[in-house]
Protein backbone atom coordinates (compact mmCIF):
# COMPACT_ATOMS: atom_id res chain seq x y z
CA MET A 1 78.98 110.96 102.26
CA PRO A 2 79.51 109.06 98.98
CA LEU A 3 76.27 107.10 99.45
CA THR A 4 72.92 108.00 101.00
CA ASP A 5 71.11 105.63 103.36
CA ALA A 6 68.57 104.94 100.62
CA GLN A 7 71.33 104.01 98.19
CA ARG A 8 72.96 101.72 100.74
CA ALA A 9 69.64 99.99 101.39
CA GLU A 10 69.09 99.52 97.66
CA ILE A 11 72.56 98.02 97.20
CA ALA A 12 72.06 95.72 100.20
CA ALA A 13 68.78 94.50 98.71
CA HIS A 14 70.48 93.77 95.39
CA ALA A 15 73.27 91.90 97.14
CA LYS A 16 70.78 89.56 98.83
CA ASP A 17 69.21 88.54 95.54
CA SER A 18 70.68 85.64 93.60
CA SER A 19 69.56 83.73 90.53
CA PRO A 20 70.70 80.37 89.20
CA THR A 21 72.49 80.62 85.86
CA ARG A 22 74.26 78.40 83.38
CA ARG A 23 76.50 81.25 82.30
CA PRO A 24 80.11 81.41 83.55
CA THR A 25 80.50 83.52 86.67
CA VAL A 26 83.59 84.86 88.43
CA PRO A 27 83.52 84.43 92.24
CA ALA A 28 85.97 87.30 92.86
CA LEU A 29 83.85 89.71 90.85
CA GLU A 30 80.60 88.33 92.24
CA ALA A 31 81.89 89.33 95.67
CA MET A 32 82.35 92.91 94.42
CA LEU A 33 79.03 93.09 92.57
CA TYR A 34 76.86 96.11 93.51
CA GLU A 35 79.29 97.24 96.22
CA ALA A 36 80.17 100.93 95.88
CA GLN A 37 83.92 101.60 95.96
CA PRO A 38 84.55 105.18 97.16
CA VAL A 39 86.53 107.47 94.86
CA LEU A 40 87.53 111.10 95.55
CA ASP A 41 85.47 112.91 98.20
CA HIS A 42 81.88 112.09 97.18
CA GLY A 43 82.29 109.78 94.21
CA PHE A 44 82.00 106.03 93.86
CA LEU A 45 82.22 103.24 91.32
CA ARG A 46 80.42 99.92 91.41
CA VAL A 47 79.97 96.95 89.08
CA VAL A 48 76.30 96.28 88.35
CA ASP A 49 76.63 93.58 85.68
CA TYR A 50 79.13 91.70 83.53
CA MET A 51 79.30 89.02 80.84
CA GLY A 52 82.12 86.60 80.15
CA ASP A 53 85.42 85.71 81.80
CA ASP A 54 88.91 84.61 80.77
CA SER A 55 87.49 81.43 79.27
CA ALA A 56 85.15 83.47 77.05
CA ILE A 57 88.19 85.12 75.45
CA VAL A 58 89.76 81.74 74.77
CA GLN A 59 86.49 80.29 73.54
CA ALA A 60 86.03 83.13 71.06
CA ALA A 61 89.61 82.88 69.83
CA ARG A 62 89.31 79.14 69.21
CA VAL A 63 85.63 79.37 68.17
CA SER A 64 84.93 76.43 70.43
CA TYR A 65 81.66 75.30 72.02
CA GLY A 66 82.63 75.42 75.67
CA ARG A 67 85.39 75.82 78.18
CA GLY A 68 87.37 72.98 76.64
CA THR A 69 89.84 70.61 78.22
CA ARG A 70 93.06 72.53 77.71
CA LYS A 71 95.19 73.43 80.70
CA VAL A 72 94.87 76.81 82.37
CA SER A 73 98.48 77.53 81.40
CA GLU A 74 97.63 76.98 77.75
CA ASP A 75 94.67 79.34 77.99
CA ALA A 76 96.87 81.95 79.68
CA GLY A 77 99.45 81.54 76.94
CA LEU A 78 96.82 82.13 74.27
CA ILE A 79 95.53 85.23 76.03
CA ARG A 80 99.07 86.58 76.28
CA TYR A 81 99.57 85.88 72.56
CA LEU A 82 96.35 87.71 71.70
CA MET A 83 97.33 90.68 73.85
CA ARG A 84 100.89 90.75 72.55
CA HIS A 85 99.77 90.79 68.91
CA ARG A 86 96.85 93.18 69.56
CA HIS A 87 94.05 90.85 68.52
CA SER A 88 90.99 92.72 69.71
CA SER A 89 87.91 90.69 68.71
CA PRO A 90 88.22 87.91 71.36
CA PHE A 91 88.40 90.54 74.12
CA GLU A 92 85.29 92.25 72.77
CA MET A 93 83.28 89.15 73.72
CA CYS A 94 83.36 90.20 77.39
CA GLU A 95 81.40 93.19 78.68
CA ILE A 96 81.03 95.00 81.98
CA LYS A 97 78.65 97.66 83.28
CA PHE A 98 79.51 100.24 85.93
CA HIS A 99 77.51 102.72 87.97
CA VAL A 100 79.74 105.75 88.47
CA LYS A 101 79.35 108.94 90.46
CA LEU A 102 81.86 111.53 89.30
CA PRO A 103 82.41 115.30 88.92
CA ILE A 104 81.07 116.78 85.69
CA PHE A 105 84.53 117.94 84.54
CA ILE A 106 85.82 114.36 84.80
CA ALA A 107 82.71 113.06 83.02
CA ARG A 108 83.57 115.33 80.09
CA GLN A 109 87.03 113.74 79.84
CA TRP A 110 85.62 110.25 80.33
CA ILE A 111 83.02 110.60 77.57
CA ARG A 112 85.83 110.97 75.03
CA HIS A 113 86.03 107.17 75.16
CA ARG A 114 83.25 106.72 72.66
CA MET A 115 83.19 102.91 72.37
CA ALA A 116 80.83 102.52 75.30
CA SER A 117 77.13 102.77 76.08
CA VAL A 118 76.32 105.60 78.48
CA ASN A 119 73.18 106.70 80.28
CA GLU A 120 73.68 109.76 82.48
CA TYR A 121 71.53 111.16 85.26
CA SER A 122 69.26 113.73 83.62
CA ALA A 123 69.37 117.24 85.10
CA ARG A 124 66.51 118.10 82.74
CA TYR A 125 64.31 115.59 84.55
CA SER A 126 65.74 115.56 88.10
CA ILE A 127 67.47 117.95 90.48
CA LEU A 128 71.19 117.49 91.04
CA ASP A 129 72.47 116.97 94.59
CA SER A 130 74.45 119.70 96.35
CA GLU A 131 77.71 117.76 96.23
CA PHE A 132 80.90 119.18 94.76
CA TYR A 133 84.40 117.86 94.29
CA LEU A 134 86.99 119.78 96.30
CA PRO A 135 90.58 118.60 95.80
CA ALA A 136 92.73 117.71 98.79
CA PRO A 137 95.62 120.15 99.41
CA GLU A 138 98.21 117.64 98.19
CA HIS A 139 96.48 117.58 94.79
CA MET A 140 96.31 121.35 94.37
CA ALA A 141 99.18 122.32 92.12
CA ALA A 142 100.24 125.14 89.83
CA GLN A 143 100.24 124.88 86.05
CA SER A 144 103.10 122.76 84.74
CA GLU A 145 105.82 124.68 82.94
CA VAL A 146 106.49 121.81 80.53
CA ASN A 147 103.04 120.25 80.09
CA ARG A 148 100.27 122.50 78.82
CA GLN A 149 97.55 120.27 80.23
CA GLY A 150 99.18 119.12 83.45
CA ARG A 151 100.14 120.16 86.96
CA GLY A 152 103.46 121.27 88.34
CA ASP A 153 104.54 121.98 91.90
CA VAL A 154 102.04 121.64 94.73
CA LEU A 155 100.76 124.96 96.07
CA ASP A 156 101.94 126.13 99.44
CA PRO A 157 99.41 125.61 102.27
CA GLN A 158 98.22 129.23 102.35
CA ALA A 159 97.63 129.40 98.59
CA ALA A 160 95.91 126.01 98.63
CA ALA A 161 93.59 127.16 101.41
CA GLU A 162 92.70 130.33 99.47
CA VAL A 163 91.92 128.36 96.32
CA LEU A 164 89.87 125.85 98.28
CA ASP A 165 87.80 128.69 99.79
CA ILE A 166 87.13 130.08 96.30
CA LEU A 167 86.10 126.68 94.92
CA ARG A 168 83.82 125.95 97.88
CA SER A 169 82.16 129.38 97.98
CA ASP A 170 81.59 129.49 94.22
CA ALA A 171 80.05 126.01 94.19
CA MET A 172 77.79 126.76 97.15
CA ARG A 173 76.73 130.12 95.74
CA THR A 174 75.84 128.78 92.31
CA TYR A 175 73.95 125.85 93.85
CA SER A 176 72.01 128.24 96.07
CA ASN A 177 71.07 130.26 92.98
CA TYR A 178 70.17 127.01 91.22
CA GLU A 179 67.68 126.24 93.99
CA LYS A 180 66.29 129.79 93.85
CA MET A 181 65.72 129.59 90.11
CA LEU A 182 63.94 126.24 90.50
CA ASP A 183 61.69 127.51 93.31
CA THR A 184 58.07 127.58 92.13
CA GLU A 185 56.72 129.42 95.20
CA ASP A 186 59.11 132.29 95.92
CA GLY A 187 61.18 132.10 92.74
CA PRO A 188 60.65 132.06 88.98
CA GLY A 189 60.22 128.28 88.77
CA LEU A 190 62.73 128.11 85.95
CA ALA A 191 62.87 124.90 83.93
CA ARG A 192 65.44 122.41 85.21
CA GLU A 193 67.13 122.26 81.80
CA LEU A 194 67.91 125.99 82.08
CA ALA A 195 68.60 126.28 85.81
CA ARG A 196 71.39 123.69 85.60
CA ILE A 197 73.53 125.83 83.27
CA ASN A 198 74.70 127.97 86.19
CA LEU A 199 76.25 125.07 88.14
CA THR A 200 80.00 124.62 88.46
CA VAL A 201 81.65 121.68 86.70
CA ASN A 202 82.84 120.21 90.00
CA THR A 203 79.20 119.28 90.70
CA TYR A 204 78.72 115.51 90.83
CA THR A 205 76.76 113.60 88.22
CA GLN A 206 76.09 109.86 87.83
CA TRP A 207 75.86 107.43 84.95
CA TYR A 208 75.73 103.82 83.89
CA TRP A 209 78.68 102.99 81.65
CA LYS A 210 78.87 99.69 79.74
CA ILE A 211 81.90 98.70 77.70
CA ASP A 212 83.56 95.62 76.21
CA LEU A 213 86.83 94.33 77.62
CA HIS A 214 88.99 95.44 74.69
CA ASN A 215 87.88 99.07 74.94
CA PHE A 216 87.88 98.90 78.74
CA MET A 217 91.58 98.02 78.70
CA HIS A 218 92.21 100.84 76.22
CA PHE A 219 90.52 103.22 78.67
CA LEU A 220 92.72 101.92 81.49
CA ALA A 221 95.92 102.13 79.43
CA LEU A 222 95.30 105.85 78.88
CA ARG A 223 93.81 106.80 82.24
CA LEU A 224 96.29 104.90 84.41
CA ASP A 225 99.16 106.74 82.76
CA PRO A 226 101.01 109.03 85.20
CA HIS A 227 100.33 111.94 82.83
CA ALA A 228 96.54 111.46 83.10
CA GLN A 229 94.69 113.87 85.37
CA TYR A 230 94.74 112.66 88.96
CA GLU A 231 90.97 112.69 89.40
CA ILE A 232 90.21 110.36 86.48
CA ARG A 233 93.26 108.25 87.38
CA ALA A 234 91.70 107.69 90.81
CA TYR A 235 88.72 106.00 89.13
CA ALA A 236 91.01 104.02 86.82
CA GLU A 237 92.95 102.62 89.79
CA VAL A 238 89.75 101.21 91.28
CA MET A 239 88.73 99.84 87.87
CA LEU A 240 92.09 98.10 87.55
CA GLN A 241 91.24 96.15 90.72
CA VAL A 242 87.94 95.19 89.08
CA LEU A 243 89.81 94.02 85.97
CA HIS A 244 92.05 91.72 88.01
CA ALA A 245 89.07 90.27 89.85
CA TRP A 246 87.07 89.76 86.65
CA VAL A 247 89.62 88.42 84.13
CA PRO A 248 92.88 87.74 86.02
CA GLN A 249 94.69 86.16 83.06
CA ALA A 250 93.76 88.99 80.71
CA ALA A 251 94.63 91.52 83.43
CA THR A 252 98.11 90.01 83.86
CA ALA A 253 98.65 90.15 80.10
CA PHE A 254 97.40 93.74 80.08
CA GLU A 255 99.91 94.72 82.77
CA GLU A 256 102.71 93.04 80.80
CA TYR A 257 101.99 94.09 77.22
CA ARG A 258 99.99 97.29 77.53
CA ARG A 259 100.44 99.11 80.81
CA GLY A 260 104.06 98.13 81.37
CA ALA A 261 105.11 98.22 77.71
CA VAL A 262 106.38 101.00 75.45
CA THR A 263 106.13 101.64 71.73
CA PHE A 264 109.02 102.83 69.59
CA SER A 265 108.62 104.32 66.14
CA ALA A 266 110.43 102.83 63.15
CA SER A 267 112.98 105.67 63.34
CA MET A 268 113.56 105.04 67.03
CA MET A 269 114.15 101.35 66.37
CA LYS A 270 116.80 102.24 63.79
CA VAL A 271 118.58 104.33 66.41
CA VAL A 272 118.34 101.53 69.01
CA ARG A 273 119.79 99.03 66.53
CA ARG A 274 122.68 101.38 65.81
CA MET A 275 123.33 101.71 69.54
CA LEU A 276 123.22 97.94 70.02
CA ALA A 277 125.75 97.60 67.21
CA GLY A 278 128.15 99.72 69.26
CA GLU A 279 127.71 103.00 67.39
CA THR A 280 127.63 106.28 69.30
CA VAL A 281 124.49 108.05 68.16
CA GLU A 282 123.83 111.74 68.77
CA ARG A 283 120.45 113.36 68.36
CA GLU A 284 121.58 115.58 65.49
CA GLY A 285 122.33 112.55 63.34
CA SER A 286 119.48 110.37 64.55
CA GLY A 287 116.68 111.67 62.36
CA LEU A 288 114.55 112.25 65.48
CA SER A 289 113.12 115.51 66.76
CA LYS A 290 114.30 116.74 70.15
CA ARG A 291 111.05 115.66 71.74
CA GLU A 292 111.20 112.16 70.18
CA TRP A 293 114.84 111.82 71.24
CA ASP A 294 114.12 112.90 74.82
CA GLU A 295 111.16 110.48 75.06
CA MET A 296 113.21 107.58 73.71
CA MET A 297 116.17 108.25 76.01
CA ALA A 298 113.90 108.65 79.04
CA THR A 299 112.35 105.27 78.26
CA LEU A 300 115.71 103.55 77.72
CA LYS A 301 117.05 104.95 80.98
CA GLY A 302 113.92 103.83 82.86
């Protein structure tokens, strides 16, 4: 189960508490606060705190003293302008904090996003749970022939079952040895910081992850991409729902100008202009490499 009974009781207790505040709050996000959203087989993601809303972005951009009297449409227009022209500082005024339970191998990808504050569950201090990520058969695929870090065709059912047995047995065996090494009565009583090194990277860990809105959207832009690994993309999809609940105007602008947009190089733009002028342009005379040409044509063809 993604959550233990003790965790559910703790979350329920948090949800009952409320405090009066003069700070702006977002009803849609307040409704999601503390609630654990399941991800993968044993993982979850939940919002534990946040600061700011759409109006905070506008307020920072205008350096005003409050929400102001401008129309919502004007505020939305300003947010779209800021997003379109990649003004980052106003978006940095908003922050959000997540509690995430995720496999270690995904945590090692995730931590590459360095513009965040992270506090991870300490396996030097505490004992990790015997929970491991095991991919569903539809997500078990062979190595891609064109992408060195991606997946290709899905394995046939028999091969997928064999791989799943290997992953499960290896994880259970190493965790059993982990417990034996920690045992102070019938085992060596090895230090936790050493015993953990034998665990598989599909073991689950947990952390608190706090980030500002600008860098949060950068994370989403990369991890929602179809080329991102499925497992981290699963977390990003849930976080996108959080983004829309928290800052709907900024989220709409993000979808328009970041997630749904493309970037062309200066050389690509020259080629596009030549095409628009009616010229027939071939790759050999375009000044682009084969890979750049293929990427540009794939984008233009949709």
